[in-house]
């Protein structure tokens, strides 16, 4: 499977990745990127091995939106809300 290197994702999101499960290479677990400005946060959680991800938007630590993304064979993208 062809996937980006972790440093490429860190460059894209302009922040260091938070590894969800320490000790497991990120391509087999999940990597989390958080963008925070004042009272707003967006988390991007990427799971390369299981082809899924999540986007969570918060204001004042309250979740406003949570999207689960799954990439399946034969389709380009499915969004589940």
C-alpha atoms as a PDB file:
ATOM      1  CA  UNK A   1       0.000   0.000   0.000  1.00  0.00           C
ATOM      2  CA  UNK A   2       1.337   3.423  -0.927  1.00  0.00           C
ATOM      3  CA  UNK A   3       0.896   6.011   1.836  1.00  0.00           C
ATOM      4  CA  UNK A   4       2.491   9.309   2.853  1.00  0.00           C
ATOM      5  CA  UNK A   5       5.351   9.404   5.318  1.00  0.00           C
ATOM      6  CA  UNK A   6       4.546  10.750   8.765  1.00  0.00           C
ATOM      7  CA  UNK A   7       6.733  13.827   8.233  1.00  0.00           C
ATOM      8  CA  UNK A   8       4.702  14.655   5.096  1.00  0.00           C
ATOM      9  CA  UNK A   9       1.483  14.672   7.121  1.00  0.00           C
ATOM     10  CA  UNK A  10       3.152  16.777   9.822  1.00  0.00           C
ATOM     11  CA  UNK A  11       4.168  19.245   7.120  1.00  0.00           C
ATOM     12  CA  UNK A  12       0.608  19.285   5.731  1.00  0.00           C
ATOM     13  CA  UNK A  13      -1.039  19.906   9.120  1.00  0.00           C
ATOM     14  CA  UNK A  14       1.839  22.120  10.365  1.00  0.00           C
ATOM     15  CA  UNK A  15       2.041  20.285  13.699  1.00  0.00           C
ATOM     16  CA  UNK A  16       3.628  17.184  15.182  1.00  0.00           C
ATOM     17  CA  UNK A  17       1.622  13.990  15.156  1.00  0.00           C
ATOM     18  CA  UNK A  18       0.285  12.548  18.356  1.00  0.00           C
ATOM     19  CA  UNK A  19       0.611   8.787  18.201  1.00  0.00           C
ATOM     20  CA  UNK A  20      -2.493   7.125  19.640  1.00  0.00           C
ATOM     21  CA  UNK A  21      -0.799   3.851  20.654  1.00  0.00           C
ATOM     22  CA  UNK A  22       2.804   4.348  21.728  1.00  0.00           C
ATOM     23  CA  UNK A  23       5.212   1.619  20.671  1.00  0.00           C
ATOM     24  CA  UNK A  24       3.236   0.696  17.553  1.00  0.00           C
ATOM     25  CA  UNK A  25       4.389   2.173  14.220  1.00  0.00           C
ATOM     26  CA  UNK A  26       1.874   4.814  13.160  1.00  0.00           C
ATOM     27  CA  UNK A  27       0.953   3.005   9.912  1.00  0.00           C
ATOM     28  CA  UNK A  28      -0.438   0.117  11.995  1.00  0.00           C
ATOM     29  CA  UNK A  29      -2.182   2.340  14.518  1.00  0.00           C
ATOM     30  CA  UNK A  30      -3.495   5.879  14.295  1.00  0.00           C
ATOM     31  CA  UNK A  31      -1.923   9.318  14.158  1.00  0.00           C
ATOM     32  CA  UNK A  32      -3.662  12.412  15.487  1.00  0.00           C
ATOM     33  CA  UNK A  33      -3.160  15.988  14.350  1.00  0.00           C
ATOM     34  CA  UNK A  34      -4.699  18.862  16.320  1.00  0.00           C
ATOM     35  CA  UNK A  35      -5.130  22.395  15.083  1.00  0.00           C
ATOM     36  CA  UNK A  36      -6.086  24.808  17.873  1.00  0.00           C
ATOM     37  CA  UNK A  37      -6.876  28.513  17.675  1.00  0.00           C
ATOM     38  CA  UNK A  38      -8.211  30.359  20.733  1.00  0.00           C
ATOM     39  CA  UNK A  39     -11.281  28.350  21.827  1.00  0.00           C
ATOM     40  CA  UNK A  40     -11.563  26.241  18.644  1.00  0.00           C
ATOM     41  CA  UNK A  41      -9.979  22.847  17.910  1.00  0.00           C
ATOM     42  CA  UNK A  42     -10.033  20.451  14.995  1.00  0.00           C
ATOM     43  CA  UNK A  43      -8.645  16.920  15.393  1.00  0.00           C
ATOM     44  CA  UNK A  44      -7.707  14.836  12.374  1.00  0.00           C
ATOM     45  CA  UNK A  45      -7.218  11.166  13.278  1.00  0.00           C
ATOM     46  CA  UNK A  46      -5.757   9.052  10.486  1.00  0.00           C
ATOM     47  CA  UNK A  47      -5.583   5.254  10.412  1.00  0.00           C
ATOM     48  CA  UNK A  48      -3.644   4.051   7.376  1.00  0.00           C
ATOM     49  CA  UNK A  49      -3.836   0.293   8.048  1.00  0.00           C
ATOM     50  CA  UNK A  50      -7.606   0.155   8.561  1.00  0.00           C
ATOM     51  CA  UNK A  51      -8.299   2.840   5.949  1.00  0.00           C
ATOM     52  CA  UNK A  52     -10.323   5.094   8.190  1.00  0.00           C
ATOM     53  CA  UNK A  53     -10.141   8.420   9.877  1.00  0.00           C
ATOM     54  CA  UNK A  54     -12.058  10.901  11.914  1.00  0.00           C
ATOM     55  CA  UNK A  55     -12.507  14.664  11.953  1.00  0.00           C
ATOM     56  CA  UNK A  56     -13.707  16.244  15.204  1.00  0.00           C
ATOM     57  CA  UNK A  57     -14.497  19.945  15.552  1.00  0.00           C
ATOM     58  CA  UNK A  58     -14.846  21.561  18.995  1.00  0.00           C
ATOM     59  CA  UNK A  59     -15.583  25.014  20.369  1.00  0.00           C
ATOM     60  CA  UNK A  60     -14.968  25.625  24.073  1.00  0.00           C
ATOM     61  CA  UNK A  61     -14.230  21.880  24.438  1.00  0.00           C
ATOM     62  CA  UNK A  62     -17.754  20.986  23.231  1.00  0.00           C
ATOM     63  CA  UNK A  63     -17.970  18.727  20.197  1.00  0.00           C
ATOM     64  CA  UNK A  64     -19.804  20.400  17.311  1.00  0.00           C
ATOM     65  CA  UNK A  65     -19.126  17.911  14.550  1.00  0.00           C
ATOM     66  CA  UNK A  66     -17.691  14.416  14.360  1.00  0.00           C
ATOM     67  CA  UNK A  67     -17.176  12.764  10.978  1.00  0.00           C
ATOM     68  CA  UNK A  68     -16.001   9.194  10.526  1.00  0.00           C
ATOM     69  CA  UNK A  69     -14.298   8.567   7.191  1.00  0.00           C
ATOM     70  CA  UNK A  70     -13.828   5.115   5.688  1.00  0.00           C
ATOM     71  CA  UNK A  71     -12.058   4.402   2.426  1.00  0.00           C
ATOM     72  CA  UNK A  72     -13.257   1.153   0.875  1.00  0.00           C
ATOM     73  CA  UNK A  73     -12.119  -0.809  -2.166  1.00  0.00           C
ATOM     74  CA  UNK A  74     -13.855   0.235  -5.358  1.00  0.00           C
ATOM     75  CA  UNK A  75     -15.033   3.590  -4.023  1.00  0.00           C
ATOM     76  CA  UNK A  76     -13.190   6.786  -3.435  1.00  0.00           C
ATOM     77  CA  UNK A  77     -14.657   8.002  -0.147  1.00  0.00           C
ATOM     78  CA  UNK A  78     -17.610   7.417   2.172  1.00  0.00           C
ATOM     79  CA  UNK A  79     -18.597   9.910   4.827  1.00  0.00           C
ATOM     80  CA  UNK A  80     -20.690   8.751   7.768  1.00  0.00           C
ATOM     81  CA  UNK A  81     -22.157  11.203  10.202  1.00  0.00           C
END
